[in-house]
Amino acid sequence: MKSFIAQASSLALILTLLSSCSHAHTRGSVVFSDSPTEGHVCLGENEVKPGDNLNVYRTECKSTEVQNEVRGGKRRTICSKFLLGKAKVSDTSSEHFARVEALNGLVLKEGQIVEKATEN
């Protein structure tokens, strides 16, 4: 019985820790660029509405070789995101996509990450 309680407690702790790492951001990406200042993002009508502001990020990943005495060389990659600017949702074209306009000279490029801004 003690073993079952210990296992259940461990499982509950693990699930709590895993859920605390989840992101609460509405996040997508630029999937098509009509022009340098207009494009489509993978956020639909259930996630954003016209007038919502989005933060636009680029990601950068760096890989390094890590030496391990037991297994030899191993690659480790660390990724970071960098805020580029903001865009505004002009229209939701479907449940999956929205049209956006870049703000303040931002250039939209396919693959950029977008997140719904917390302050609209």
N, C-alpha and C. Protein backbone atom coordinates (compact mmCIF):
# COMPACT_ATOMS: atom_id res chain seq x y z
N MET A 1 0.82 -1.20 0.00
CA MET A 1 0.00 0.00 0.00
C MET A 1 0.87 1.26 0.00
N LYS A 2 1.96 1.22 0.82
CA LYS A 2 2.85 2.38 0.85
C LYS A 2 3.46 2.64 -0.52
N SER A 3 3.78 1.55 -1.24
CA SER A 3 4.37 1.68 -2.56
C SER A 3 3.40 2.36 -3.52
N PHE A 4 2.13 1.98 -3.46
CA PHE A 4 1.12 2.59 -4.32
C PHE A 4 0.97 4.08 -4.02
N ILE A 5 0.93 4.44 -2.76
CA ILE A 5 0.80 5.85 -2.36
C ILE A 5 2.02 6.63 -2.81
N ALA A 6 3.21 6.06 -2.66
CA ALA A 6 4.44 6.73 -3.09
C ALA A 6 4.43 6.93 -4.60
N GLN A 7 3.99 5.92 -5.35
CA GLN A 7 3.93 6.03 -6.81
C GLN A 7 2.90 7.08 -7.23
N ALA A 8 1.75 7.08 -6.59
CA ALA A 8 0.70 8.05 -6.93
C ALA A 8 1.16 9.46 -6.60
N SER A 9 1.84 9.62 -5.48
CA SER A 9 2.36 10.94 -5.10
C SER A 9 3.40 11.42 -6.10
N SER A 10 4.29 10.53 -6.50
CA SER A 10 5.31 10.88 -7.48
C SER A 10 4.69 11.27 -8.81
N LEU A 11 3.69 10.53 -9.25
CA LEU A 11 3.01 10.84 -10.50
C LEU A 11 2.33 12.21 -10.42
N ALA A 12 1.66 12.49 -9.31
CA ALA A 12 1.00 13.79 -9.14
C ALA A 12 2.02 14.92 -9.18
N LEU A 13 3.17 14.73 -8.53
CA LEU A 13 4.21 15.75 -8.53
C LEU A 13 4.76 15.98 -9.94
N ILE A 14 5.02 14.92 -10.66
CA ILE A 14 5.53 15.04 -12.03
C ILE A 14 4.53 15.76 -12.92
N LEU A 15 3.24 15.41 -12.83
CA LEU A 15 2.22 16.06 -13.64
C LEU A 15 2.10 17.54 -13.30
N THR A 16 2.23 17.87 -12.03
CA THR A 16 2.18 19.28 -11.62
C THR A 16 3.36 20.04 -12.20
N LEU A 17 4.55 19.47 -12.13
CA LEU A 17 5.74 20.14 -12.67
C LEU A 17 5.65 20.31 -14.17
N LEU A 18 5.16 19.28 -14.86
CA LEU A 18 5.05 19.38 -16.32
C LEU A 18 4.03 20.42 -16.73
N SER A 19 2.92 20.50 -16.04
CA SER A 19 1.90 21.48 -16.42
C SER A 19 2.34 22.89 -16.11
N SER A 20 3.23 23.07 -15.15
CA SER A 20 3.69 24.41 -14.83
C SER A 20 4.65 24.95 -15.89
N CYS A 21 5.17 24.09 -16.75
CA CYS A 21 6.07 24.52 -17.82
C CYS A 21 5.31 24.90 -19.09
N SER A 22 4.02 24.66 -19.14
CA SER A 22 3.28 24.97 -20.36
C SER A 22 3.12 26.47 -20.50
N HIS A 23 2.97 26.90 -21.76
CA HIS A 23 2.85 28.32 -22.05
C HIS A 23 1.38 28.72 -22.12
N ALA A 24 1.07 29.89 -21.65
CA ALA A 24 -0.30 30.39 -21.69
C ALA A 24 -0.48 31.38 -22.83
N HIS A 25 0.49 31.47 -23.74
CA HIS A 25 0.42 32.42 -24.83
C HIS A 25 -0.33 31.83 -26.01
N THR A 26 -1.08 32.69 -26.71
CA THR A 26 -1.64 32.32 -27.98
C THR A 26 -0.54 32.55 -29.00
N ARG A 27 -0.04 31.47 -29.61
CA ARG A 27 1.17 31.54 -30.42
C ARG A 27 0.95 30.87 -31.78
N GLY A 28 1.55 31.47 -32.81
CA GLY A 28 1.51 30.91 -34.15
C GLY A 28 2.72 31.38 -34.93
N SER A 29 2.62 31.38 -36.25
CA SER A 29 3.74 31.83 -37.07
C SER A 29 3.23 32.50 -38.33
N VAL A 30 4.11 33.29 -38.95
CA VAL A 30 3.80 33.90 -40.24
C VAL A 30 3.93 32.78 -41.27
N VAL A 31 2.83 32.49 -41.98
CA VAL A 31 2.84 31.38 -42.94
C VAL A 31 2.92 31.86 -44.38
N PHE A 32 2.57 33.14 -44.63
CA PHE A 32 2.65 33.68 -45.98
C PHE A 32 2.78 35.19 -45.89
N SER A 33 3.63 35.74 -46.74
CA SER A 33 3.84 37.18 -46.78
C SER A 33 3.33 37.73 -48.11
N ASP A 34 2.23 38.52 -48.07
CA ASP A 34 1.70 39.14 -49.28
C ASP A 34 2.61 40.27 -49.75
N SER A 35 3.20 40.97 -48.79
CA SER A 35 4.11 42.08 -49.05
C SER A 35 4.98 42.20 -47.80
N PRO A 36 5.97 43.09 -47.78
CA PRO A 36 6.79 43.22 -46.58
C PRO A 36 6.00 43.62 -45.33
N THR A 37 4.81 44.21 -45.52
CA THR A 37 4.06 44.69 -44.35
C THR A 37 2.71 44.00 -44.16
N GLU A 38 2.37 43.03 -45.01
CA GLU A 38 1.10 42.31 -44.87
C GLU A 38 1.33 40.82 -45.05
N GLY A 39 0.61 40.04 -44.26
CA GLY A 39 0.76 38.60 -44.39
C GLY A 39 -0.33 37.85 -43.65
N HIS A 40 -0.16 36.54 -43.61
CA HIS A 40 -1.11 35.65 -42.95
C HIS A 40 -0.38 34.88 -41.86
N VAL A 41 -1.06 34.74 -40.72
CA VAL A 41 -0.48 34.01 -39.59
C VAL A 41 -1.37 32.84 -39.23
N CYS A 42 -0.77 31.85 -38.61
CA CYS A 42 -1.47 30.66 -38.19
C CYS A 42 -2.09 30.89 -36.81
N LEU A 43 -3.08 31.77 -36.78
CA LEU A 43 -3.93 32.03 -35.61
C LEU A 43 -5.32 32.29 -36.17
N GLY A 44 -6.31 31.57 -35.71
CA GLY A 44 -7.63 31.69 -36.30
C GLY A 44 -8.62 32.48 -35.48
N GLU A 45 -9.87 32.45 -35.96
CA GLU A 45 -10.93 33.26 -35.36
C GLU A 45 -11.25 32.90 -33.93
N ASN A 46 -10.87 31.72 -33.47
CA ASN A 46 -11.08 31.35 -32.07
C ASN A 46 -9.96 31.84 -31.17
N GLU A 47 -8.88 32.37 -31.77
CA GLU A 47 -7.72 32.80 -30.99
C GLU A 47 -7.49 34.30 -31.02
N VAL A 48 -7.81 34.95 -32.14
CA VAL A 48 -7.61 36.40 -32.28
C VAL A 48 -8.81 37.01 -32.99
N LYS A 49 -8.91 38.34 -32.89
CA LYS A 49 -9.98 39.07 -33.58
C LYS A 49 -9.38 40.31 -34.21
N PRO A 50 -10.06 40.90 -35.20
CA PRO A 50 -9.54 42.13 -35.81
C PRO A 50 -9.27 43.19 -34.75
N GLY A 51 -8.12 43.84 -34.88
CA GLY A 51 -7.71 44.86 -33.92
C GLY A 51 -6.75 44.36 -32.86
N ASP A 52 -6.64 43.03 -32.68
CA ASP A 52 -5.69 42.48 -31.70
C ASP A 52 -4.26 42.78 -32.13
N ASN A 53 -3.41 43.08 -31.17
CA ASN A 53 -1.98 43.28 -31.43
C ASN A 53 -1.23 41.98 -31.21
N LEU A 54 -0.23 41.76 -32.04
CA LEU A 54 0.63 40.58 -31.93
C LEU A 54 2.07 41.02 -31.78
N ASN A 55 2.82 40.34 -30.93
CA ASN A 55 4.27 40.52 -30.88
C ASN A 55 4.88 39.58 -31.92
N VAL A 56 5.86 40.07 -32.66
CA VAL A 56 6.50 39.28 -33.71
C VAL A 56 7.95 39.04 -33.31
N TYR A 57 8.38 37.78 -33.37
CA TYR A 57 9.71 37.38 -32.93
C TYR A 57 10.46 36.64 -34.03
N ARG A 58 11.78 36.68 -33.95
CA ARG A 58 12.62 35.77 -34.74
C ARG A 58 13.25 34.81 -33.74
N THR A 59 13.55 33.63 -34.19
CA THR A 59 14.23 32.67 -33.32
C THR A 59 15.65 32.46 -33.82
N GLU A 60 16.51 32.17 -32.89
CA GLU A 60 17.90 31.89 -33.20
C GLU A 60 18.33 30.70 -32.36
N CYS A 61 18.87 29.69 -33.01
CA CYS A 61 19.32 28.48 -32.32
C CYS A 61 20.81 28.29 -32.55
N LYS A 62 21.52 27.90 -31.50
CA LYS A 62 22.95 27.64 -31.59
C LYS A 62 23.23 26.24 -31.05
N SER A 63 24.00 25.49 -31.83
CA SER A 63 24.38 24.14 -31.42
C SER A 63 25.85 24.12 -31.02
N THR A 64 26.13 23.38 -29.99
CA THR A 64 27.52 23.21 -29.55
C THR A 64 27.77 21.73 -29.29
N GLU A 65 29.00 21.35 -29.43
CA GLU A 65 29.42 19.99 -29.14
C GLU A 65 29.74 19.89 -27.66
N VAL A 66 29.11 18.94 -26.98
CA VAL A 66 29.35 18.75 -25.55
C VAL A 66 30.05 17.40 -25.37
N GLN A 67 31.18 17.41 -24.71
CA GLN A 67 31.92 16.17 -24.48
C GLN A 67 31.37 15.46 -23.25
N ASN A 68 31.22 14.16 -23.38
CA ASN A 68 30.73 13.33 -22.29
C ASN A 68 31.68 12.14 -22.19
N GLU A 69 32.24 11.90 -21.02
CA GLU A 69 33.23 10.83 -20.85
C GLU A 69 32.67 9.46 -21.20
N VAL A 70 31.40 9.23 -20.91
CA VAL A 70 30.81 7.92 -21.15
C VAL A 70 30.37 7.74 -22.59
N ARG A 71 29.69 8.72 -23.17
CA ARG A 71 29.10 8.59 -24.50
C ARG A 71 29.86 9.30 -25.60
N GLY A 72 30.90 10.00 -25.28
CA GLY A 72 31.63 10.74 -26.31
C GLY A 72 30.95 12.07 -26.60
N GLY A 73 31.10 12.55 -27.83
CA GLY A 73 30.53 13.85 -28.21
C GLY A 73 29.03 13.80 -28.38
N LYS A 74 28.39 14.89 -28.07
CA LYS A 74 26.94 15.00 -28.18
C LYS A 74 26.62 16.46 -28.49
N ARG A 75 25.62 16.71 -29.36
CA ARG A 75 25.23 18.07 -29.71
C ARG A 75 24.17 18.58 -28.75
N ARG A 76 24.32 19.83 -28.36
CA ARG A 76 23.33 20.49 -27.51
C ARG A 76 22.91 21.78 -28.22
N THR A 77 21.62 21.96 -28.37
CA THR A 77 21.10 23.15 -29.06
C THR A 77 20.28 23.98 -28.09
N ILE A 78 20.55 25.28 -28.08
CA ILE A 78 19.80 26.22 -27.26
C ILE A 78 19.18 27.25 -28.20
N CYS A 79 17.86 27.44 -28.08
CA CYS A 79 17.14 28.39 -28.92
C CYS A 79 16.65 29.57 -28.08
N SER A 80 16.67 30.74 -28.70
CA SER A 80 16.18 31.95 -28.05
C SER A 80 15.28 32.68 -29.03
N LYS A 81 14.37 33.50 -28.49
CA LYS A 81 13.53 34.32 -29.37
C LYS A 81 13.80 35.79 -29.07
N PHE A 82 13.72 36.61 -30.12
CA PHE A 82 14.02 38.02 -30.02
C PHE A 82 12.86 38.81 -30.61
N LEU A 83 12.34 39.78 -29.84
CA LEU A 83 11.23 40.60 -30.28
C LEU A 83 11.67 41.50 -31.42
N LEU A 84 10.94 41.45 -32.54
CA LEU A 84 11.23 42.29 -33.71
C LEU A 84 10.31 43.50 -33.75
N GLY A 85 9.08 43.34 -33.32
CA GLY A 85 8.11 44.43 -33.38
C GLY A 85 6.70 43.90 -33.20
N LYS A 86 5.73 44.69 -33.70
CA LYS A 86 4.33 44.35 -33.52
C LYS A 86 3.60 44.33 -34.85
N ALA A 87 2.50 43.58 -34.87
CA ALA A 87 1.59 43.54 -36.01
C ALA A 87 0.17 43.60 -35.45
N LYS A 88 -0.76 44.01 -36.31
CA LYS A 88 -2.17 44.10 -35.90
C LYS A 88 -3.00 43.19 -36.79
N VAL A 89 -3.93 42.45 -36.17
CA VAL A 89 -4.83 41.58 -36.92
C VAL A 89 -5.83 42.46 -37.67
N SER A 90 -5.89 42.30 -39.00
CA SER A 90 -6.83 43.07 -39.79
C SER A 90 -8.10 42.27 -40.11
N ASP A 91 -7.97 40.92 -40.16
CA ASP A 91 -9.11 40.09 -40.50
C ASP A 91 -8.79 38.64 -40.15
N THR A 92 -9.80 37.91 -39.73
CA THR A 92 -9.63 36.46 -39.56
C THR A 92 -10.27 35.80 -40.76
N SER A 93 -9.46 35.09 -41.54
CA SER A 93 -9.94 34.52 -42.79
C SER A 93 -10.55 33.14 -42.62
N SER A 94 -10.27 32.47 -41.50
CA SER A 94 -10.84 31.15 -41.23
C SER A 94 -10.60 30.80 -39.77
N GLU A 95 -10.97 29.60 -39.41
CA GLU A 95 -10.73 29.18 -38.04
C GLU A 95 -9.24 28.92 -37.77
N HIS A 96 -8.43 28.92 -38.83
CA HIS A 96 -7.01 28.62 -38.67
C HIS A 96 -6.08 29.80 -38.98
N PHE A 97 -6.53 30.79 -39.76
CA PHE A 97 -5.62 31.83 -40.22
C PHE A 97 -6.21 33.23 -40.06
N ALA A 98 -5.30 34.19 -39.90
CA ALA A 98 -5.68 35.60 -39.82
C ALA A 98 -4.74 36.41 -40.69
N ARG A 99 -5.26 37.51 -41.21
CA ARG A 99 -4.45 38.45 -41.99
C ARG A 99 -3.96 39.52 -41.04
N VAL A 100 -2.68 39.92 -41.17
CA VAL A 100 -2.10 40.92 -40.28
C VAL A 100 -1.38 42.01 -41.06
N GLU A 101 -1.24 43.16 -40.40
CA GLU A 101 -0.47 44.28 -40.94
C GLU A 101 0.65 44.59 -39.97
N ALA A 102 1.86 44.71 -40.48
CA ALA A 102 3.01 45.05 -39.65
C ALA A 102 2.91 46.51 -39.20
N LEU A 103 3.42 46.80 -38.02
CA LEU A 103 3.39 48.16 -37.48
C LEU A 103 4.81 48.72 -37.37
N ASN A 104 4.92 50.03 -37.50
CA ASN A 104 6.17 50.77 -37.25
C ASN A 104 7.37 50.25 -38.04
N GLY A 105 7.17 49.94 -39.32
CA GLY A 105 8.28 49.57 -40.19
C GLY A 105 8.73 48.12 -40.10
N LEU A 106 8.04 47.30 -39.34
CA LEU A 106 8.39 45.87 -39.24
C LEU A 106 8.21 45.21 -40.60
N VAL A 107 9.13 44.33 -40.97
CA VAL A 107 9.03 43.55 -42.20
C VAL A 107 8.64 42.12 -41.82
N LEU A 108 7.51 41.67 -42.35
CA LEU A 108 7.04 40.31 -42.06
C LEU A 108 7.72 39.30 -42.99
N LYS A 109 8.17 38.19 -42.40
CA LYS A 109 8.79 37.12 -43.17
C LYS A 109 8.23 35.79 -42.71
N GLU A 110 8.05 34.89 -43.66
CA GLU A 110 7.55 33.55 -43.33
C GLU A 110 8.48 32.91 -42.31
N GLY A 111 7.87 32.24 -41.31
CA GLY A 111 8.62 31.55 -40.28
C GLY A 111 8.78 32.34 -39.00
N GLN A 112 8.50 33.64 -39.04
CA GLN A 112 8.56 34.42 -37.79
C GLN A 112 7.48 33.92 -36.84
N ILE A 113 7.76 34.00 -35.55
CA ILE A 113 6.82 33.58 -34.51
C ILE A 113 5.96 34.77 -34.11
N VAL A 114 4.66 34.53 -33.90
CA VAL A 114 3.77 35.59 -33.43
C VAL A 114 3.08 35.12 -32.15
N GLU A 115 2.90 36.05 -31.22
CA GLU A 115 2.16 35.79 -29.99
C GLU A 115 1.18 36.92 -29.77
N LYS A 116 0.00 36.59 -29.31
CA LYS A 116 -0.98 37.62 -28.98
C LYS A 116 -0.40 38.45 -27.84
N ALA A 117 -0.36 39.77 -28.04
CA ALA A 117 0.18 40.67 -27.01
C ALA A 117 -0.78 40.68 -25.82
N THR A 118 -0.23 40.70 -24.62
CA THR A 118 -1.07 40.71 -23.42
C THR A 118 -1.73 42.07 -23.23
N GLU A 119 -1.09 43.14 -23.69
CA GLU A 119 -1.70 44.47 -23.62
C GLU A 119 -2.13 44.86 -25.03
N ASN A 120 -3.44 44.96 -25.23
CA ASN A 120 -3.96 45.29 -26.57
C ASN A 120 -4.37 46.71 -26.66
